[in-house]
Amino acid sequence: MHCVDCHFSIDNHGDGTLYGEVRAATAVDCVDCHGSIAQKATLAFSGNASSDSFKASGTPFGPRFVVRRGKVIQQSSVDPDLKWDVVQVADTLDPDTHANASLAHTIQKDGTSWGIVPDDMSRLAHGKDSMSCYSCHTAWAPSCFGCHLPMRANENRKNLHNEGGPTRNWTGYNFQTLRDDVFMLGHDGAVKKGRVAPVRSSETLTPASAFS
């Protein structure tokens, strides 16, 4: 898939409103194409930028989406010969055939009940209204601590970086900060309805005294 296979129309050209950041202007959400445990895809924008249907949205090679026998088929935006089935979350809830997906999507707040879609969605440990899909479905998430290292000023020591030579601002490689295993979750901004999502720290690890 290419970026334009998900982000087309409003996501590319905007909706006429000036947003504080690019991601705040996205109209398409995961559930629009993949559906949820409660229903299959609506093929309608549910993001903050619009609520229009994109079922009739086209590509240079024909309609972007076709629904046949309950399956959603998507046409690639860049390859005329490439199409694929868009997996529906509702089709992955059978504990016998999709145990991991069923557990992840239907686990309830008691920590033991799973495998069925409850009538009362508030019983779920996390629903689509309280947690973003990419909180779990993310390939990788960089952390601050791999780049923002503690620095000491006025040391006049040999630089530990590859370029070598002396340095006035010495940065050591602290095992407590050089790591990539930090994965943080928090509440997103109001434009994303405050759902849980991956977050990063805005704290700088370079002490203010280093510049004094």
N, C-alpha and C. Protein backbone atom coordinates (compact mmCIF):
# COMPACT_ATOMS: atom_id res chain seq x y z
N MET A 1 0.83 -1.19 0.00
CA MET A 1 0.00 0.00 0.00
C MET A 1 0.87 1.25 0.00
N HIS A 2 0.30 2.32 -0.52
CA HIS A 2 0.96 3.61 -0.52
C HIS A 2 0.15 4.59 0.35
N CYS A 3 0.77 5.68 0.73
CA CYS A 3 0.11 6.66 1.60
C CYS A 3 -1.25 7.07 1.04
N VAL A 4 -1.31 7.28 -0.28
CA VAL A 4 -2.53 7.79 -0.90
C VAL A 4 -3.65 6.76 -0.92
N ASP A 5 -3.34 5.50 -0.63
CA ASP A 5 -4.40 4.49 -0.55
C ASP A 5 -5.29 4.71 0.66
N CYS A 6 -4.77 5.37 1.69
CA CYS A 6 -5.58 5.70 2.86
C CYS A 6 -5.91 7.19 2.91
N HIS A 7 -4.94 8.00 2.58
CA HIS A 7 -5.11 9.46 2.71
C HIS A 7 -5.35 10.08 1.34
N PHE A 8 -6.61 10.22 1.00
CA PHE A 8 -7.00 10.79 -0.28
C PHE A 8 -8.00 11.91 -0.03
N SER A 9 -8.42 12.59 -1.06
CA SER A 9 -9.46 13.61 -0.96
C SER A 9 -9.12 14.65 0.10
N ILE A 10 -9.89 14.73 1.16
CA ILE A 10 -9.73 15.77 2.18
C ILE A 10 -8.36 15.68 2.86
N ASP A 11 -7.88 14.46 3.09
CA ASP A 11 -6.58 14.32 3.76
C ASP A 11 -5.45 14.92 2.93
N ASN A 12 -5.64 15.00 1.62
CA ASN A 12 -4.62 15.59 0.76
C ASN A 12 -4.82 17.08 0.55
N HIS A 13 -6.07 17.50 0.41
CA HIS A 13 -6.35 18.87 0.00
C HIS A 13 -6.95 19.73 1.10
N GLY A 14 -7.25 19.14 2.24
CA GLY A 14 -7.81 19.91 3.34
C GLY A 14 -9.30 20.15 3.19
N ASP A 15 -9.89 20.71 4.22
CA ASP A 15 -11.33 20.98 4.21
C ASP A 15 -11.63 22.47 4.36
N GLY A 16 -10.59 23.29 4.18
CA GLY A 16 -10.77 24.74 4.28
C GLY A 16 -10.52 25.30 5.65
N THR A 17 -10.28 24.43 6.62
CA THR A 17 -10.00 24.87 7.99
C THR A 17 -8.50 24.77 8.26
N LEU A 18 -7.95 25.76 8.91
CA LEU A 18 -6.53 25.76 9.26
C LEU A 18 -6.35 25.08 10.61
N TYR A 19 -5.64 23.93 10.61
CA TYR A 19 -5.44 23.16 11.84
C TYR A 19 -4.05 23.41 12.40
N GLY A 20 -3.88 23.13 13.68
CA GLY A 20 -2.61 23.36 14.35
C GLY A 20 -1.51 22.39 13.94
N GLU A 21 -1.89 21.23 13.44
CA GLU A 21 -0.91 20.24 13.00
C GLU A 21 -1.55 19.39 11.91
N VAL A 22 -0.72 18.74 11.12
CA VAL A 22 -1.20 17.97 9.97
C VAL A 22 -2.12 16.84 10.39
N ARG A 23 -1.75 16.11 11.42
CA ARG A 23 -2.53 14.95 11.83
C ARG A 23 -3.91 15.32 12.37
N ALA A 24 -4.08 16.58 12.73
CA ALA A 24 -5.38 17.01 13.22
C ALA A 24 -6.38 17.20 12.09
N ALA A 25 -5.90 17.22 10.85
CA ALA A 25 -6.76 17.46 9.70
C ALA A 25 -7.15 16.18 8.98
N THR A 26 -6.81 15.03 9.53
CA THR A 26 -7.14 13.78 8.85
C THR A 26 -8.62 13.47 8.99
N ALA A 27 -9.21 13.05 7.86
CA ALA A 27 -10.63 12.74 7.85
C ALA A 27 -10.88 11.24 7.99
N VAL A 28 -9.95 10.42 7.53
CA VAL A 28 -10.16 8.97 7.54
C VAL A 28 -9.62 8.38 8.83
N ASP A 29 -10.32 7.38 9.35
CA ASP A 29 -9.88 6.68 10.55
C ASP A 29 -9.87 5.18 10.23
N CYS A 30 -9.19 4.41 11.06
CA CYS A 30 -9.04 2.98 10.80
C CYS A 30 -10.39 2.28 10.64
N VAL A 31 -11.35 2.63 11.50
CA VAL A 31 -12.64 1.96 11.49
C VAL A 31 -13.44 2.23 10.23
N ASP A 32 -13.08 3.28 9.50
CA ASP A 32 -13.82 3.61 8.29
C ASP A 32 -13.69 2.53 7.23
N CYS A 33 -12.52 1.89 7.19
CA CYS A 33 -12.28 0.84 6.19
C CYS A 33 -12.32 -0.57 6.80
N HIS A 34 -11.89 -0.70 8.05
CA HIS A 34 -11.81 -2.02 8.68
C HIS A 34 -12.99 -2.33 9.58
N GLY A 35 -13.82 -1.33 9.84
CA GLY A 35 -14.95 -1.55 10.73
C GLY A 35 -14.51 -1.74 12.17
N SER A 36 -15.44 -2.19 12.99
CA SER A 36 -15.17 -2.41 14.40
C SER A 36 -15.74 -3.76 14.80
N ILE A 37 -15.68 -4.09 16.07
CA ILE A 37 -16.24 -5.37 16.51
C ILE A 37 -17.77 -5.36 16.42
N ALA A 38 -18.34 -4.16 16.35
CA ALA A 38 -19.80 -4.04 16.35
C ALA A 38 -20.40 -4.01 14.95
N GLN A 39 -19.62 -3.52 13.98
CA GLN A 39 -20.15 -3.42 12.62
C GLN A 39 -19.01 -3.39 11.61
N LYS A 40 -19.35 -3.73 10.37
CA LYS A 40 -18.36 -3.69 9.30
C LYS A 40 -18.19 -2.25 8.81
N ALA A 41 -17.25 -2.08 7.89
CA ALA A 41 -16.88 -0.74 7.45
C ALA A 41 -18.07 0.04 6.90
N THR A 42 -18.13 1.30 7.26
CA THR A 42 -19.17 2.18 6.74
C THR A 42 -18.71 2.88 5.46
N LEU A 43 -17.39 2.88 5.22
CA LEU A 43 -16.79 3.61 4.09
C LEU A 43 -17.25 5.06 4.09
N ALA A 44 -17.22 5.65 5.27
CA ALA A 44 -17.53 7.06 5.46
C ALA A 44 -16.51 7.65 6.41
N PHE A 45 -16.06 8.85 6.12
CA PHE A 45 -15.09 9.51 6.98
C PHE A 45 -15.65 9.70 8.39
N SER A 46 -14.88 9.32 9.38
CA SER A 46 -15.31 9.55 10.76
C SER A 46 -14.34 10.46 11.50
N GLY A 47 -13.26 10.88 10.81
CA GLY A 47 -12.31 11.80 11.43
C GLY A 47 -12.91 13.18 11.60
N ASN A 48 -12.12 14.09 12.16
CA ASN A 48 -12.65 15.39 12.51
C ASN A 48 -12.88 16.30 11.31
N ALA A 49 -12.33 15.96 10.14
CA ALA A 49 -12.41 16.88 9.01
C ALA A 49 -13.70 16.76 8.20
N SER A 50 -14.35 15.61 8.23
CA SER A 50 -15.55 15.44 7.42
C SER A 50 -16.30 14.20 7.84
N SER A 51 -17.56 14.10 7.39
CA SER A 51 -18.35 12.90 7.64
C SER A 51 -18.96 12.38 6.34
N ASP A 52 -18.42 12.82 5.21
CA ASP A 52 -18.94 12.40 3.91
C ASP A 52 -18.54 10.97 3.59
N SER A 53 -19.31 10.30 2.75
CA SER A 53 -19.00 8.95 2.31
C SER A 53 -17.91 8.99 1.25
N PHE A 54 -17.00 8.03 1.29
CA PHE A 54 -16.00 7.95 0.23
C PHE A 54 -16.12 6.64 -0.55
N LYS A 55 -17.26 5.99 -0.43
CA LYS A 55 -17.48 4.74 -1.15
C LYS A 55 -17.34 4.93 -2.65
N ALA A 56 -17.76 6.11 -3.15
CA ALA A 56 -17.71 6.37 -4.59
C ALA A 56 -16.39 7.00 -5.02
N SER A 57 -15.45 7.15 -4.08
CA SER A 57 -14.17 7.76 -4.42
C SER A 57 -13.45 6.93 -5.48
N GLY A 58 -12.85 7.61 -6.44
CA GLY A 58 -12.23 6.90 -7.54
C GLY A 58 -10.72 6.98 -7.55
N THR A 59 -10.11 6.08 -8.30
CA THR A 59 -8.68 6.08 -8.59
C THR A 59 -8.52 6.27 -10.10
N PRO A 60 -7.32 6.45 -10.60
CA PRO A 60 -7.15 6.55 -12.06
C PRO A 60 -7.57 5.28 -12.79
N PHE A 61 -7.81 4.19 -12.01
CA PHE A 61 -8.09 2.90 -12.64
C PHE A 61 -9.49 2.38 -12.33
N GLY A 62 -10.32 3.22 -11.73
CA GLY A 62 -11.67 2.79 -11.41
C GLY A 62 -12.02 3.12 -9.98
N PRO A 63 -13.17 2.61 -9.49
CA PRO A 63 -13.59 2.90 -8.11
C PRO A 63 -12.56 2.45 -7.09
N ARG A 64 -12.42 3.21 -6.03
CA ARG A 64 -11.45 2.87 -4.98
C ARG A 64 -11.91 1.66 -4.17
N PHE A 65 -13.21 1.59 -3.90
CA PHE A 65 -13.77 0.49 -3.11
C PHE A 65 -14.94 -0.16 -3.84
N VAL A 66 -15.00 -1.47 -3.74
CA VAL A 66 -16.13 -2.24 -4.24
C VAL A 66 -16.51 -3.23 -3.15
N VAL A 67 -17.79 -3.34 -2.85
CA VAL A 67 -18.27 -4.29 -1.84
C VAL A 67 -18.97 -5.43 -2.56
N ARG A 68 -18.45 -6.66 -2.34
CA ARG A 68 -19.03 -7.85 -2.96
C ARG A 68 -19.18 -8.93 -1.91
N ARG A 69 -20.41 -9.44 -1.78
CA ARG A 69 -20.71 -10.53 -0.85
C ARG A 69 -20.16 -10.25 0.54
N GLY A 70 -20.31 -9.04 0.99
CA GLY A 70 -19.87 -8.68 2.33
C GLY A 70 -18.39 -8.38 2.46
N LYS A 71 -17.64 -8.50 1.36
CA LYS A 71 -16.20 -8.20 1.39
C LYS A 71 -15.94 -6.83 0.78
N VAL A 72 -15.02 -6.10 1.40
CA VAL A 72 -14.60 -4.81 0.89
C VAL A 72 -13.31 -5.01 0.10
N ILE A 73 -13.35 -4.65 -1.18
CA ILE A 73 -12.19 -4.81 -2.06
C ILE A 73 -11.71 -3.42 -2.46
N GLN A 74 -10.41 -3.20 -2.30
CA GLN A 74 -9.84 -1.89 -2.59
C GLN A 74 -8.92 -1.96 -3.80
N GLN A 75 -9.03 -0.98 -4.66
CA GLN A 75 -8.16 -0.82 -5.82
C GLN A 75 -6.97 0.05 -5.45
N SER A 76 -5.77 -0.38 -5.81
CA SER A 76 -4.58 0.42 -5.56
C SER A 76 -4.67 1.74 -6.32
N SER A 77 -4.12 2.78 -5.70
CA SER A 77 -4.13 4.10 -6.33
C SER A 77 -3.00 4.29 -7.32
N VAL A 78 -2.00 3.39 -7.29
CA VAL A 78 -0.83 3.58 -8.15
C VAL A 78 -0.55 2.40 -9.08
N ASP A 79 -1.19 1.26 -8.85
CA ASP A 79 -0.96 0.07 -9.67
C ASP A 79 -2.30 -0.43 -10.22
N PRO A 80 -2.50 -0.37 -11.52
CA PRO A 80 -3.80 -0.77 -12.09
C PRO A 80 -4.12 -2.24 -11.91
N ASP A 81 -3.11 -3.06 -11.68
CA ASP A 81 -3.32 -4.50 -11.58
C ASP A 81 -3.36 -5.02 -10.15
N LEU A 82 -3.39 -4.10 -9.18
CA LEU A 82 -3.32 -4.52 -7.78
C LEU A 82 -4.60 -4.18 -7.03
N LYS A 83 -5.21 -5.21 -6.43
CA LYS A 83 -6.37 -5.04 -5.57
C LYS A 83 -6.19 -5.94 -4.35
N TRP A 84 -6.91 -5.66 -3.29
CA TRP A 84 -6.81 -6.50 -2.10
C TRP A 84 -8.11 -6.44 -1.30
N ASP A 85 -8.32 -7.49 -0.51
CA ASP A 85 -9.45 -7.51 0.42
C ASP A 85 -9.08 -6.72 1.66
N VAL A 86 -9.96 -5.85 2.08
CA VAL A 86 -9.74 -5.08 3.31
C VAL A 86 -10.34 -5.88 4.46
N VAL A 87 -9.48 -6.40 5.33
CA VAL A 87 -9.92 -7.25 6.44
C VAL A 87 -10.87 -6.48 7.35
N GLN A 88 -11.97 -7.13 7.69
CA GLN A 88 -12.94 -6.53 8.60
C GLN A 88 -12.75 -7.09 10.00
N VAL A 89 -12.65 -6.19 10.97
CA VAL A 89 -12.44 -6.60 12.36
C VAL A 89 -13.52 -7.59 12.81
N ALA A 90 -14.74 -7.36 12.37
CA ALA A 90 -15.86 -8.22 12.78
C ALA A 90 -15.68 -9.66 12.31
N ASP A 91 -14.84 -9.87 11.30
CA ASP A 91 -14.61 -11.22 10.79
C ASP A 91 -13.46 -11.93 11.49
N THR A 92 -12.84 -11.28 12.47
CA THR A 92 -11.66 -11.86 13.14
C THR A 92 -11.93 -12.14 14.61
N LEU A 93 -13.19 -12.32 14.98
CA LEU A 93 -13.53 -12.44 16.40
C LEU A 93 -13.84 -13.87 16.84
N ASP A 94 -13.72 -14.83 15.93
CA ASP A 94 -13.98 -16.22 16.29
C ASP A 94 -12.82 -16.76 17.11
N PRO A 95 -13.02 -17.11 18.38
CA PRO A 95 -11.91 -17.59 19.22
C PRO A 95 -11.24 -18.84 18.68
N ASP A 96 -11.96 -19.63 17.89
CA ASP A 96 -11.39 -20.88 17.38
C ASP A 96 -10.46 -20.66 16.20
N THR A 97 -10.72 -19.63 15.41
CA THR A 97 -9.91 -19.39 14.22
C THR A 97 -8.99 -18.18 14.34
N HIS A 98 -9.34 -17.24 15.17
CA HIS A 98 -8.53 -16.02 15.35
C HIS A 98 -8.42 -15.71 16.84
N ALA A 99 -7.81 -16.61 17.58
CA ALA A 99 -7.79 -16.49 19.05
C ALA A 99 -7.14 -15.19 19.51
N ASN A 100 -5.99 -14.83 18.92
CA ASN A 100 -5.29 -13.63 19.37
C ASN A 100 -6.09 -12.37 19.10
N ALA A 101 -6.67 -12.28 17.90
CA ALA A 101 -7.46 -11.10 17.55
C ALA A 101 -8.72 -11.03 18.41
N SER A 102 -9.33 -12.17 18.64
CA SER A 102 -10.54 -12.21 19.47
C SER A 102 -10.24 -11.76 20.89
N LEU A 103 -9.15 -12.24 21.43
CA LEU A 103 -8.76 -11.85 22.79
C LEU A 103 -8.49 -10.35 22.86
N ALA A 104 -7.73 -9.84 21.91
CA ALA A 104 -7.34 -8.43 21.94
C ALA A 104 -8.54 -7.50 21.80
N HIS A 105 -9.51 -7.89 20.99
CA HIS A 105 -10.62 -6.99 20.70
C HIS A 105 -11.80 -7.15 21.65
N THR A 106 -11.89 -8.29 22.33
CA THR A 106 -13.09 -8.52 23.15
C THR A 106 -12.81 -8.68 24.64
N ILE A 107 -11.54 -8.57 25.05
CA ILE A 107 -11.23 -8.71 26.47
C ILE A 107 -11.99 -7.64 27.26
N GLN A 108 -12.57 -8.06 28.38
CA GLN A 108 -13.39 -7.15 29.17
C GLN A 108 -12.63 -6.66 30.40
N LYS A 109 -13.21 -5.73 31.10
CA LYS A 109 -12.54 -5.07 32.21
C LYS A 109 -12.23 -6.01 33.36
N ASP A 110 -12.93 -7.16 33.41
CA ASP A 110 -12.64 -8.10 34.50
C ASP A 110 -11.34 -8.86 34.24
N GLY A 111 -10.78 -8.72 33.04
CA GLY A 111 -9.51 -9.34 32.71
C GLY A 111 -9.57 -10.81 32.36
N THR A 112 -10.74 -11.42 32.42
CA THR A 112 -10.85 -12.85 32.15
C THR A 112 -11.88 -13.17 31.07
N SER A 113 -12.90 -12.35 30.92
CA SER A 113 -13.97 -12.62 29.96
C SER A 113 -13.59 -12.11 28.58
N TRP A 114 -13.72 -12.97 27.58
CA TRP A 114 -13.44 -12.55 26.21
C TRP A 114 -14.04 -13.58 25.25
N GLY A 115 -14.06 -13.24 23.98
CA GLY A 115 -14.54 -14.17 22.96
C GLY A 115 -15.91 -13.84 22.41
N ILE A 116 -16.62 -12.94 23.08
CA ILE A 116 -17.93 -12.52 22.59
C ILE A 116 -18.01 -11.00 22.61
N VAL A 117 -18.86 -10.45 21.76
CA VAL A 117 -19.09 -9.01 21.76
C VAL A 117 -20.21 -8.71 22.75
N PRO A 118 -19.91 -8.03 23.85
CA PRO A 118 -20.94 -7.79 24.87
C PRO A 118 -22.00 -6.81 24.38
N ASP A 119 -23.19 -6.95 24.91
CA ASP A 119 -24.26 -6.00 24.58
C ASP A 119 -23.92 -4.61 25.11
N ASP A 120 -23.29 -4.58 26.26
CA ASP A 120 -22.88 -3.32 26.86
C ASP A 120 -21.40 -3.09 26.55
N MET A 121 -21.11 -2.22 25.58
CA MET A 121 -19.72 -1.99 25.15
C MET A 121 -18.85 -1.38 26.24
N SER A 122 -19.46 -0.81 27.26
CA SER A 122 -18.68 -0.22 28.34
C SER A 122 -17.97 -1.29 29.17
N ARG A 123 -18.35 -2.55 28.98
CA ARG A 123 -17.69 -3.65 29.69
C ARG A 123 -16.34 -3.99 29.08
N LEU A 124 -16.08 -3.54 27.86
CA LEU A 124 -14.81 -3.83 27.21
C LEU A 124 -13.66 -3.13 27.91
N ALA A 125 -12.50 -3.79 27.92
CA ALA A 125 -11.32 -3.17 28.52
C ALA A 125 -10.95 -1.90 27.78
N HIS A 126 -11.11 -1.92 26.48
CA HIS A 126 -10.87 -0.71 25.68
C HIS A 126 -11.69 -0.81 24.40
N GLY A 127 -12.47 0.21 24.13
CA GLY A 127 -13.27 0.26 22.92
C GLY A 127 -12.72 1.29 21.96
N LYS A 128 -13.29 1.36 20.76
CA LYS A 128 -12.79 2.27 19.73
C LYS A 128 -12.97 3.74 20.11
N ASP A 129 -13.89 4.01 21.05
CA ASP A 129 -14.11 5.39 21.46
C ASP A 129 -13.12 5.85 22.53
N SER A 130 -12.42 4.90 23.14
CA SER A 130 -11.49 5.26 24.22
C SER A 130 -10.04 5.00 23.86
N MET A 131 -9.78 4.23 22.81
CA MET A 131 -8.40 3.92 22.44
C MET A 131 -8.25 3.89 20.93
N SER A 132 -7.21 4.53 20.42
CA SER A 132 -6.93 4.51 19.00
C SER A 132 -6.40 3.14 18.58
N CYS A 133 -6.76 2.70 17.39
CA CYS A 133 -6.34 1.38 16.91
C CYS A 133 -4.82 1.24 16.90
N TYR A 134 -4.13 2.32 16.53
CA TYR A 134 -2.67 2.24 16.39
C TYR A 134 -1.93 2.27 17.72
N SER A 135 -2.67 2.28 18.83
CA SER A 135 -2.02 2.09 20.13
C SER A 135 -1.39 0.69 20.18
N CYS A 136 -2.05 -0.26 19.55
CA CYS A 136 -1.52 -1.63 19.47
C CYS A 136 -0.95 -1.93 18.10
N HIS A 137 -1.64 -1.48 17.06
CA HIS A 137 -1.22 -1.79 15.70
C HIS A 137 -0.21 -0.76 15.21
N THR A 138 0.98 -0.83 15.75
CA THR A 138 2.06 0.04 15.34
C THR A 138 3.32 -0.79 15.23
N ALA A 139 4.05 -0.62 14.14
CA ALA A 139 5.22 -1.45 13.90
C ALA A 139 6.39 -1.07 14.81
N TRP A 140 6.54 0.22 15.07
CA TRP A 140 7.64 0.65 15.93
C TRP A 140 7.30 2.03 16.47
N ALA A 141 7.93 2.39 17.54
CA ALA A 141 7.73 3.72 18.12
C ALA A 141 9.05 4.20 18.70
N PRO A 142 9.67 5.22 18.11
CA PRO A 142 10.92 5.72 18.66
C PRO A 142 10.69 6.41 19.98
N SER A 143 11.67 6.36 20.84
CA SER A 143 11.58 7.06 22.12
C SER A 143 12.61 8.19 22.14
N CYS A 144 12.38 9.13 23.01
CA CYS A 144 13.27 10.29 23.10
C CYS A 144 14.68 9.91 23.53
N PHE A 145 14.76 8.85 24.33
CA PHE A 145 16.01 8.57 25.04
C PHE A 145 17.11 8.01 24.14
N GLY A 146 16.81 7.70 22.89
CA GLY A 146 17.86 7.25 21.99
C GLY A 146 18.67 8.39 21.42
N CYS A 147 18.13 9.62 21.46
CA CYS A 147 18.79 10.77 20.86
C CYS A 147 19.13 11.86 21.87
N HIS A 148 18.22 12.11 22.79
CA HIS A 148 18.41 13.20 23.76
C HIS A 148 19.23 12.69 24.94
N LEU A 149 20.52 12.89 24.86
CA LEU A 149 21.44 12.40 25.88
C LEU A 149 21.81 13.52 26.85
N PRO A 150 22.14 13.17 28.09
CA PRO A 150 22.60 14.20 29.03
C PRO A 150 23.94 14.79 28.57
N MET A 151 24.10 16.10 28.69
CA MET A 151 25.31 16.77 28.23
C MET A 151 25.89 17.60 29.36
N ARG A 152 27.23 17.60 29.45
CA ARG A 152 27.92 18.38 30.47
C ARG A 152 28.81 19.41 29.78
N ALA A 153 28.67 20.67 30.20
CA ALA A 153 29.42 21.76 29.58
C ALA A 153 30.76 21.96 30.26
N ASN A 154 31.71 22.60 29.54
CA ASN A 154 33.02 23.00 30.06
C ASN A 154 33.82 21.82 30.58
N GLU A 155 33.79 20.71 29.85
CA GLU A 155 34.51 19.52 30.27
C GLU A 155 35.87 19.41 29.60
N ASN A 156 35.98 19.91 28.34
CA ASN A 156 37.22 19.81 27.57
C ASN A 156 37.75 18.38 27.56
N ARG A 157 36.91 17.48 27.08
CA ARG A 157 37.26 16.07 27.02
C ARG A 157 37.19 15.58 25.59
N LYS A 158 37.71 14.39 25.36
CA LYS A 158 37.67 13.82 24.03
C LYS A 158 36.23 13.42 23.67
N ASN A 159 35.84 13.82 22.48
CA ASN A 159 34.49 13.52 22.02
C ASN A 159 34.31 12.02 21.85
N LEU A 160 33.20 11.49 22.34
CA LEU A 160 32.93 10.06 22.22
C LEU A 160 32.26 9.70 20.91
N HIS A 161 31.87 10.70 20.14
CA HIS A 161 31.22 10.42 18.87
C HIS A 161 32.25 10.02 17.82
N ASN A 162 31.75 9.63 16.66
CA ASN A 162 32.64 9.08 15.63
C ASN A 162 33.63 10.09 15.09
N GLU A 163 33.30 11.40 15.16
CA GLU A 163 34.19 12.39 14.57
C GLU A 163 35.46 12.60 15.39
N GLY A 164 35.45 12.19 16.66
CA GLY A 164 36.64 12.31 17.50
C GLY A 164 36.97 13.76 17.83
N GLY A 165 38.19 13.97 18.40
CA GLY A 165 38.61 15.31 18.74
C GLY A 165 38.06 15.78 20.08
N PRO A 166 38.59 16.91 20.59
CA PRO A 166 38.13 17.41 21.89
C PRO A 166 36.77 18.10 21.76
N THR A 167 36.09 18.19 22.85
CA THR A 167 34.80 18.87 22.87
C THR A 167 34.61 19.63 24.16
N ARG A 168 33.95 20.76 24.07
CA ARG A 168 33.65 21.56 25.26
C ARG A 168 32.39 21.03 25.93
N ASN A 169 31.45 20.53 25.13
CA ASN A 169 30.20 20.00 25.66
C ASN A 169 30.22 18.47 25.53
N TRP A 170 30.54 17.81 26.60
CA TRP A 170 30.77 16.37 26.57
C TRP A 170 29.47 15.60 26.83
N THR A 171 29.22 14.65 25.98
CA THR A 171 28.03 13.81 26.10
C THR A 171 28.45 12.37 26.27
N GLY A 172 28.07 11.78 27.38
CA GLY A 172 28.38 10.38 27.61
C GLY A 172 27.24 9.49 27.15
N TYR A 173 27.53 8.22 27.04
CA TYR A 173 26.51 7.27 26.64
C TYR A 173 26.01 6.56 27.89
N ASN A 174 24.94 7.04 28.42
CA ASN A 174 24.39 6.52 29.65
C ASN A 174 23.46 5.37 29.33
N PHE A 175 23.69 4.21 29.91
CA PHE A 175 22.87 3.04 29.62
C PHE A 175 21.41 3.26 30.00
N GLN A 176 21.16 4.23 30.87
CA GLN A 176 19.78 4.51 31.28
C GLN A 176 19.01 5.32 30.22
N THR A 177 19.74 5.98 29.34
CA THR A 177 19.06 6.81 28.34
C THR A 177 19.19 6.24 26.93
N LEU A 178 20.24 5.49 26.67
CA LEU A 178 20.42 4.91 25.34
C LEU A 178 19.63 3.61 25.25
N ARG A 179 18.39 3.70 24.90
CA ARG A 179 17.57 2.51 24.80
C ARG A 179 16.37 2.81 23.89
N ASP A 180 15.78 1.77 23.36
CA ASP A 180 14.64 1.95 22.47
C ASP A 180 13.44 1.13 22.93
N ASP A 181 13.46 0.73 24.21
CA ASP A 181 12.38 -0.13 24.70
C ASP A 181 11.28 0.67 25.40
N VAL A 182 11.36 1.98 25.34
CA VAL A 182 10.35 2.81 26.00
C VAL A 182 9.16 2.98 25.07
N PHE A 183 8.00 2.62 25.54
CA PHE A 183 6.77 2.78 24.75
C PHE A 183 5.73 3.39 25.66
N MET A 184 5.34 4.62 25.36
CA MET A 184 4.46 5.36 26.26
C MET A 184 3.09 5.55 25.62
N LEU A 185 2.05 5.41 26.44
CA LEU A 185 0.69 5.67 26.01
C LEU A 185 0.12 6.81 26.85
N GLY A 186 -0.72 7.61 26.25
CA GLY A 186 -1.35 8.70 26.96
C GLY A 186 -2.61 9.14 26.24
N HIS A 187 -3.29 10.12 26.77
CA HIS A 187 -4.52 10.62 26.15
C HIS A 187 -4.17 11.64 25.07
N ASP A 188 -4.71 11.42 23.87
CA ASP A 188 -4.51 12.31 22.74
C ASP A 188 -5.23 13.63 22.98
N GLY A 189 -5.02 14.58 22.08
CA GLY A 189 -5.64 15.88 22.20
C GLY A 189 -7.13 15.87 21.93
N ALA A 190 -7.74 17.03 22.15
CA ALA A 190 -9.20 17.14 22.01
C ALA A 190 -9.66 16.86 20.59
N VAL A 191 -8.85 17.23 19.59
CA VAL A 191 -9.25 17.02 18.21
C VAL A 191 -9.34 15.53 17.86
N LYS A 192 -8.65 14.69 18.64
CA LYS A 192 -8.73 13.24 18.48
C LYS A 192 -9.58 12.60 19.58
N LYS A 193 -10.39 13.43 20.23
CA LYS A 193 -11.38 12.99 21.20
C LYS A 193 -10.77 12.37 22.45
N GLY A 194 -9.52 12.71 22.73
CA GLY A 194 -8.88 12.27 23.96
C GLY A 194 -8.64 10.79 24.08
N ARG A 195 -8.64 10.08 22.96
CA ARG A 195 -8.43 8.64 23.01
C ARG A 195 -6.98 8.31 23.36
N VAL A 196 -6.78 7.14 23.95
CA VAL A 196 -5.43 6.67 24.27
C VAL A 196 -4.67 6.43 22.97
N ALA A 197 -3.43 6.88 22.92
CA ALA A 197 -2.60 6.75 21.72
C ALA A 197 -1.13 6.78 22.14
N PRO A 198 -0.22 6.32 21.27
CA PRO A 198 1.20 6.43 21.59
C PRO A 198 1.60 7.90 21.74
N VAL A 199 2.42 8.19 22.72
CA VAL A 199 2.86 9.56 22.97
C VAL A 199 4.37 9.56 23.19
N ARG A 200 4.92 10.76 23.18
CA ARG A 200 6.34 10.92 23.49
C ARG A 200 6.49 12.01 24.53
N SER A 201 7.58 11.97 25.22
CA SER A 201 7.86 13.00 26.21
C SER A 201 8.42 14.24 25.52
N SER A 202 8.07 15.40 26.02
CA SER A 202 8.63 16.65 25.50
C SER A 202 9.73 17.19 26.41
N GLU A 203 10.13 16.39 27.39
CA GLU A 203 11.16 16.82 28.33
C GLU A 203 12.53 16.74 27.68
N THR A 204 13.31 17.77 27.82
CA THR A 204 14.68 17.73 27.34
C THR A 204 15.58 17.16 28.43
N LEU A 205 16.49 16.31 28.04
CA LEU A 205 17.40 15.71 29.01
C LEU A 205 18.69 16.51 29.17
N THR A 206 18.84 17.58 28.37
CA THR A 206 20.00 18.44 28.50
C THR A 206 19.71 19.46 29.59
N PRO A 207 20.45 19.47 30.69
CA PRO A 207 20.14 20.37 31.80
C PRO A 207 20.34 21.84 31.42
N ALA A 208 19.50 22.70 31.95
CA ALA A 208 19.59 24.12 31.67
C ALA A 208 20.94 24.69 32.12
N SER A 209 21.53 24.10 33.17
CA SER A 209 22.80 24.60 33.70
C SER A 209 23.92 24.43 32.70
N ALA A 210 23.72 23.57 31.69
CA ALA A 210 24.78 23.35 30.70
C ALA A 210 25.02 24.60 29.87
N PHE A 211 24.02 25.49 29.80
CA PHE A 211 24.16 26.67 28.98
C PHE A 211 24.45 27.92 29.79
N SER A 212 24.61 27.75 31.08
CA SER A 212 24.86 28.90 31.94
C SER A 212 26.33 29.29 31.93
